Amino acid sequence: MRLTPILLLLSFAALAQRGIDPTFLRADLQATGERKTDISTATCHYKPLFGDGAPNASAPVGIVRYGEATVDPAGSCAIVSYSNEEQVYVVLDGAGIVRYASGSVPIRKEDFLYLPPTVRHGLQNPAGEPLHVMIMGFRSSSIPKTLAALPDVANIEDVPLQAVGGHPSSTRYRLLMGDIYSKRDRIAAAHTLTSLFLMEIAPGGTNQPHHHEREEEIYLVLEGRGEIAAGSGLDGIEGRFPAQTGTAYFFRLNCTVGYYSAPGVSSRVLAVRSWYPGMELPGMEH
């Protein structure tokens, strides 16, 4: 059947309006502005980098939110719970408390913890300095049969630094969190999240470009500077883009992803991977 000129114009207009989903997104923690969300109060401020509240919010599919919460001294965030979202907190700076359904747990710089769906939780800062926490949320329909009385909390510096097979020797890894099947991560509790880890990359080193067929991924540069490898460029395989402390990149599944630390500069990069909805492989170690 032949389309009339009017129908052709309507079809092209519909495609233009829908747009093309980006292969990757870039955000800057320092440049991102505050947005009100369900945790916001007069003393709790949220900067959305990806997902809810951020530009191109629909590009991440399994990742609901990824951003920084700042809690003022003597401040607190609103208590929240999500029926189909698991969350991870990573403390960037400061100290405070995570209020939990059955109590509270203290947190400090570079602590990380897992928060399952349905459980009410929130941040509180009784200290005299601001508390900065990365909040990550992932779509999940799985609820643990037995909910822990309090979340398991660990610190990045207490997780051994190690080489990982198949990766360059210039990068060492701290394997922080995995799913419930993980045998290698410090905390094995998640369902949609598959791996939360820290990369420590030597000057001029790399974690080499690669891709994931079933997972979305985010990199956040905690320290250092270099170049992010992302699926782009004339050959469609790899483009290089500047990155420094506070730079974050979201990578769609099958996007080329990697990092090159600048000559003479060491880098620390926080990374998280999670299942793209419908592509889970239960029981597989990652």
Protein backbone atom coordinates (compact mmCIF):
# COMPACT_ATOMS: atom_id res chain seq x y z
CA MET A 1 0.00 0.00 0.00
CA ARG A 2 1.34 3.44 -1.00
CA LEU A 3 1.25 6.27 1.55
CA THR A 4 -0.14 9.59 0.42
CA PRO A 5 2.13 12.67 0.81
CA ILE A 6 0.06 13.80 3.81
CA LEU A 7 0.44 10.43 5.54
CA LEU A 8 4.17 10.47 4.85
CA LEU A 9 4.50 13.92 6.41
CA LEU A 10 2.53 12.77 9.47
CA SER A 11 4.74 9.68 9.82
CA PHE A 12 7.95 11.73 9.67
CA ALA A 13 6.52 14.27 12.12
CA ALA A 14 5.66 11.50 14.57
CA LEU A 15 9.20 10.12 14.38
CA ALA A 16 10.72 13.56 14.87
CA GLN A 17 8.51 14.22 17.86
CA ARG A 18 9.39 10.88 19.44
CA GLY A 19 13.09 11.49 18.96
CA ILE A 20 15.91 8.98 19.24
CA ASP A 21 16.92 7.53 22.57
CA PRO A 22 20.51 8.57 23.42
CA THR A 23 23.14 5.86 23.65
CA PHE A 24 24.73 7.58 26.63
CA LEU A 25 24.19 10.64 28.82
CA ARG A 26 26.62 12.99 30.55
CA ALA A 27 26.02 14.93 33.78
CA ASP A 28 28.13 17.12 36.07
CA LEU A 29 27.58 16.90 39.82
CA GLN A 30 28.88 20.43 40.41
CA ALA A 31 26.82 22.03 37.62
CA THR A 32 23.53 20.20 38.24
CA GLY A 33 20.83 22.25 39.94
CA GLU A 34 18.57 21.23 42.80
CA ARG A 35 15.12 19.79 42.01
CA LYS A 36 12.28 19.12 44.42
CA THR A 37 11.39 15.47 44.82
CA ASP A 38 9.64 13.24 47.33
CA ILE A 39 12.59 13.35 49.76
CA SER A 40 12.96 17.14 49.63
CA THR A 41 12.49 19.28 52.74
CA ALA A 42 13.74 22.71 53.76
CA THR A 43 16.97 21.00 54.91
CA CYS A 44 17.24 18.18 52.33
CA HIS A 45 18.22 19.02 48.75
CA TYR A 46 18.36 16.69 45.74
CA LYS A 47 20.38 17.01 42.51
CA PRO A 48 19.14 14.57 39.83
CA LEU A 49 21.84 13.36 37.46
CA PHE A 50 19.90 10.59 35.69
CA GLY A 51 16.35 9.28 35.84
CA ASP A 52 13.64 10.99 37.85
CA GLY A 53 13.93 14.78 37.67
CA ALA A 54 16.88 14.83 35.25
CA PRO A 55 16.99 15.78 31.55
CA ASN A 56 16.28 12.80 29.26
CA ALA A 57 14.71 11.11 32.28
CA SER A 58 13.21 8.34 30.15
CA ALA A 59 16.54 7.19 28.69
CA PRO A 60 17.43 4.97 31.66
CA VAL A 61 14.84 2.20 31.73
CA GLY A 62 15.75 0.04 34.74
CA ILE A 63 17.37 2.90 36.65
CA VAL A 64 14.67 4.99 38.32
CA ARG A 65 16.89 7.66 39.85
CA TYR A 66 20.53 8.55 40.33
CA GLY A 67 21.48 11.74 42.12
CA GLU A 68 22.98 13.44 45.14
CA ALA A 69 21.10 14.26 48.33
CA THR A 70 22.59 16.99 50.53
CA VAL A 71 21.32 17.18 54.11
CA ASP A 72 22.05 20.38 56.00
CA PRO A 73 23.46 20.28 59.57
CA ALA A 74 20.64 19.32 61.97
CA GLY A 75 18.48 18.56 58.92
CA SER A 76 16.62 15.54 57.59
CA CYS A 77 14.99 14.23 54.42
CA ALA A 78 11.39 13.08 54.13
CA ILE A 79 10.74 9.42 54.93
CA VAL A 80 9.94 7.42 51.77
CA SER A 81 9.21 3.87 50.68
CA TYR A 82 8.81 2.35 47.23
CA SER A 83 6.83 -0.76 46.38
CA ASN A 84 8.89 -1.68 43.32
CA GLU A 85 12.24 0.05 43.75
CA GLU A 86 15.37 -1.04 45.55
CA GLN A 87 17.82 1.68 46.54
CA VAL A 88 21.50 2.01 47.30
CA TYR A 89 23.09 4.82 49.30
CA VAL A 90 26.77 5.75 48.96
CA VAL A 91 28.07 8.47 51.29
CA LEU A 92 30.29 10.96 49.46
CA ASP A 93 31.07 13.14 52.46
CA GLY A 94 29.97 13.86 56.00
CA ALA A 95 28.28 11.68 58.60
CA GLY A 96 24.69 11.07 59.59
CA ILE A 97 21.95 8.53 60.18
CA VAL A 98 19.74 6.38 57.99
CA ARG A 99 16.33 6.17 59.59
CA TYR A 100 14.91 2.73 58.91
CA ALA A 101 11.57 1.03 59.55
CA SER A 102 12.80 -0.68 62.69
CA GLY A 103 15.47 1.72 63.90
CA SER A 104 18.42 3.69 62.57
CA VAL A 105 22.03 3.12 61.53
CA PRO A 106 24.95 5.57 61.59
CA ILE A 107 26.72 6.32 58.32
CA ARG A 108 29.98 8.09 57.46
CA LYS A 109 32.05 9.04 54.44
CA GLU A 110 32.32 6.21 51.86
CA ASP A 111 29.80 3.96 53.61
CA PHE A 112 27.39 2.12 51.31
CA LEU A 113 24.20 0.16 52.01
CA TYR A 114 21.25 -1.58 50.36
CA LEU A 115 17.62 -0.61 50.98
CA PRO A 116 14.96 -3.11 49.77
CA PRO A 117 11.54 -2.24 48.31
CA THR A 118 8.64 -1.43 50.68
CA VAL A 119 10.84 -0.45 53.64
CA ARG A 120 10.42 3.12 54.90
CA HIS A 121 13.72 5.00 55.13
CA GLY A 122 15.26 8.47 55.14
CA LEU A 123 18.39 10.48 55.85
CA GLN A 124 19.12 12.55 58.95
CA ASN A 125 22.13 14.72 59.77
CA PRO A 126 22.74 15.50 63.44
CA ALA A 127 26.30 16.65 62.69
CA GLY A 128 27.63 20.15 62.14
CA GLU A 129 28.71 19.62 58.52
CA PRO A 130 26.58 18.86 55.44
CA LEU A 131 25.93 15.22 54.58
CA HIS A 132 26.29 14.25 50.89
CA VAL A 133 24.85 10.92 49.73
CA MET A 134 24.45 9.41 46.27
CA ILE A 135 20.99 7.88 45.94
CA MET A 136 20.51 5.14 43.36
CA GLY A 137 17.14 3.54 42.62
CA PHE A 138 16.43 0.47 40.47
CA ARG A 139 13.12 -0.99 39.31
CA SER A 140 12.49 -4.27 41.10
CA SER A 141 9.51 -6.53 41.60
CA SER A 142 11.40 -8.78 44.02
CA ILE A 143 10.92 -8.27 47.74
CA PRO A 144 13.09 -10.27 50.17
CA LYS A 145 11.08 -12.94 52.00
CA THR A 146 12.77 -11.91 55.23
CA LEU A 147 13.58 -8.25 55.68
CA ALA A 148 16.63 -7.49 57.80
CA ALA A 149 15.98 -5.60 61.02
CA LEU A 150 18.56 -3.04 59.89
CA PRO A 151 20.45 -2.67 56.61
CA ASP A 152 23.97 -4.01 56.24
CA VAL A 153 26.44 -1.11 56.09
CA ALA A 154 30.04 -1.36 54.88
CA ASN A 155 32.79 1.10 54.05
CA ILE A 156 34.62 1.29 50.74
CA GLU A 157 38.06 1.39 52.37
CA ASP A 158 37.33 -1.87 54.20
CA VAL A 159 36.72 -3.76 50.94
CA PRO A 160 39.92 -5.34 49.56
CA LEU A 161 41.49 -3.84 46.48
CA GLN A 162 41.99 -6.58 43.88
CA ALA A 163 42.64 -7.39 40.26
CA VAL A 164 39.77 -8.85 38.22
CA GLY A 165 40.46 -11.40 35.54
CA GLY A 166 40.27 -10.16 31.97
CA HIS A 167 40.86 -6.53 32.97
CA PRO A 168 44.08 -4.49 32.63
CA SER A 169 46.55 -4.50 35.50
CA SER A 170 46.41 -0.70 35.61
CA THR A 171 42.98 -0.91 37.28
CA ARG A 172 42.19 -2.43 40.68
CA TYR A 173 38.68 -3.02 41.94
CA ARG A 174 36.78 -2.89 45.21
CA LEU A 175 33.74 -5.17 44.76
CA LEU A 176 31.17 -3.48 46.97
CA MET A 177 27.75 -4.94 46.26
CA GLY A 178 26.14 -7.59 44.09
CA ASP A 179 22.91 -9.48 43.77
CA ILE A 180 21.75 -12.23 46.13
CA TYR A 181 23.71 -14.82 44.14
CA SER A 182 27.06 -13.05 44.42
CA LYS A 183 29.95 -14.83 46.12
CA ARG A 184 32.53 -12.11 45.62
CA ASP A 185 30.98 -8.81 46.74
CA ARG A 186 31.03 -7.33 50.26
CA ILE A 187 27.22 -7.08 50.32
CA ALA A 188 25.10 -9.60 48.38
CA ALA A 189 21.53 -8.34 48.67
CA ALA A 190 20.20 -6.84 45.44
CA HIS A 191 17.87 -8.14 42.74
CA THR A 192 18.02 -5.61 39.91
CA LEU A 193 21.43 -4.15 40.72
CA THR A 194 24.10 -6.59 39.56
CA SER A 195 27.32 -4.85 40.60
CA LEU A 196 28.39 -1.78 42.56
CA PHE A 197 32.16 -1.35 42.52
CA LEU A 198 34.97 1.18 42.78
CA MET A 199 37.77 1.32 40.23
CA GLU A 200 41.16 2.72 41.22
CA ILE A 201 43.01 3.47 37.99
CA ALA A 202 46.73 4.17 37.81
CA PRO A 203 48.07 7.27 36.01
CA GLY A 204 47.64 6.71 32.28
CA GLY A 205 45.78 3.46 32.97
CA THR A 206 42.44 2.18 31.70
CA ASN A 207 39.70 -0.30 32.47
CA GLN A 208 39.50 -0.86 28.68
CA PRO A 209 36.38 -0.24 26.57
CA HIS A 210 33.75 -2.98 26.59
CA HIS A 211 29.96 -3.32 26.59
CA HIS A 212 27.16 -5.14 28.40
CA GLU A 213 24.38 -6.78 26.42
CA ARG A 214 21.79 -6.92 29.20
CA GLU A 215 22.73 -4.17 31.66
CA GLU A 216 22.68 -0.40 32.01
CA GLU A 217 25.67 1.22 33.73
CA ILE A 218 26.67 4.51 35.36
CA TYR A 219 30.17 5.86 36.06
CA LEU A 220 30.83 8.67 38.54
CA VAL A 221 34.36 10.09 38.79
CA LEU A 222 35.10 10.55 42.51
CA GLU A 223 38.69 11.68 42.05
CA GLY A 224 41.00 12.38 39.13
CA ARG A 225 40.45 13.21 35.50
CA GLY A 226 40.75 11.54 32.13
CA GLU A 227 38.52 10.45 29.28
CA ILE A 228 35.34 8.41 29.22
CA ALA A 229 34.99 5.93 26.38
CA ALA A 230 31.41 5.80 25.13
CA GLY A 231 29.69 4.31 22.10
CA SER A 232 30.14 6.98 19.49
CA GLY A 233 32.62 8.15 16.89
CA LEU A 234 32.82 7.67 13.14
CA ASP A 235 33.20 3.91 13.46
CA GLY A 236 30.31 3.60 15.91
CA ILE A 237 32.53 1.82 18.39
CA GLU A 238 34.31 4.29 20.63
CA GLY A 239 34.37 8.00 21.22
CA ARG A 240 36.39 9.71 23.96
CA PHE A 241 34.94 12.46 26.10
CA PRO A 242 36.47 14.52 28.92
CA ALA A 243 35.83 13.52 32.52
CA GLN A 244 36.91 14.95 35.85
CA THR A 245 35.87 14.81 39.49
CA GLY A 246 32.07 15.03 39.59
CA THR A 247 31.52 13.87 36.00
CA ALA A 248 28.94 11.12 35.58
CA TYR A 249 27.98 9.08 32.51
CA PHE A 250 24.99 6.81 31.93
CA PHE A 251 25.47 4.00 29.38
CA ARG A 252 22.60 2.24 27.69
CA LEU A 253 22.89 -1.53 27.23
CA ASN A 254 25.29 -2.47 24.42
CA CYS A 255 26.94 0.97 24.59
CA THR A 256 30.73 0.98 24.58
CA VAL A 257 31.96 1.97 28.05
CA GLY A 258 35.44 2.55 29.45
CA TYR A 259 37.75 5.03 31.16
CA TYR A 260 41.28 6.33 30.49
CA SER A 261 43.00 8.09 33.37
CA ALA A 262 45.08 11.09 32.32
CA PRO A 263 48.90 10.76 32.29
CA GLY A 264 50.29 11.46 35.75
CA VAL A 265 46.81 11.35 37.33
CA SER A 266 45.24 8.57 39.43
CA SER A 267 41.47 8.20 39.21
CA ARG A 268 38.78 6.71 41.42
CA VAL A 269 35.55 5.86 39.60
CA LEU A 270 32.36 4.59 41.24
CA ALA A 271 30.42 2.30 38.90
CA VAL A 272 27.06 0.57 39.11
CA ARG A 273 25.40 -1.90 36.73
CA SER A 274 21.82 -3.11 36.76
CA TRP A 275 19.57 -5.34 34.70
CA TYR A 276 17.67 -3.86 31.79
CA PRO A 277 14.03 -4.88 32.49
CA GLY A 278 13.16 -8.24 30.99
CA MET A 279 16.79 -9.28 30.40
CA GLU A 280 17.53 -10.74 33.83
CA LEU A 281 19.38 -14.02 34.12
CA PRO A 282 18.47 -15.35 37.61
CA GLY A 283 21.18 -17.23 39.41
CA MET A 284 24.00 -16.00 37.18
CA GLU A 285 27.05 -14.53 38.91
CA HIS A 286 28.31 -11.26 37.45
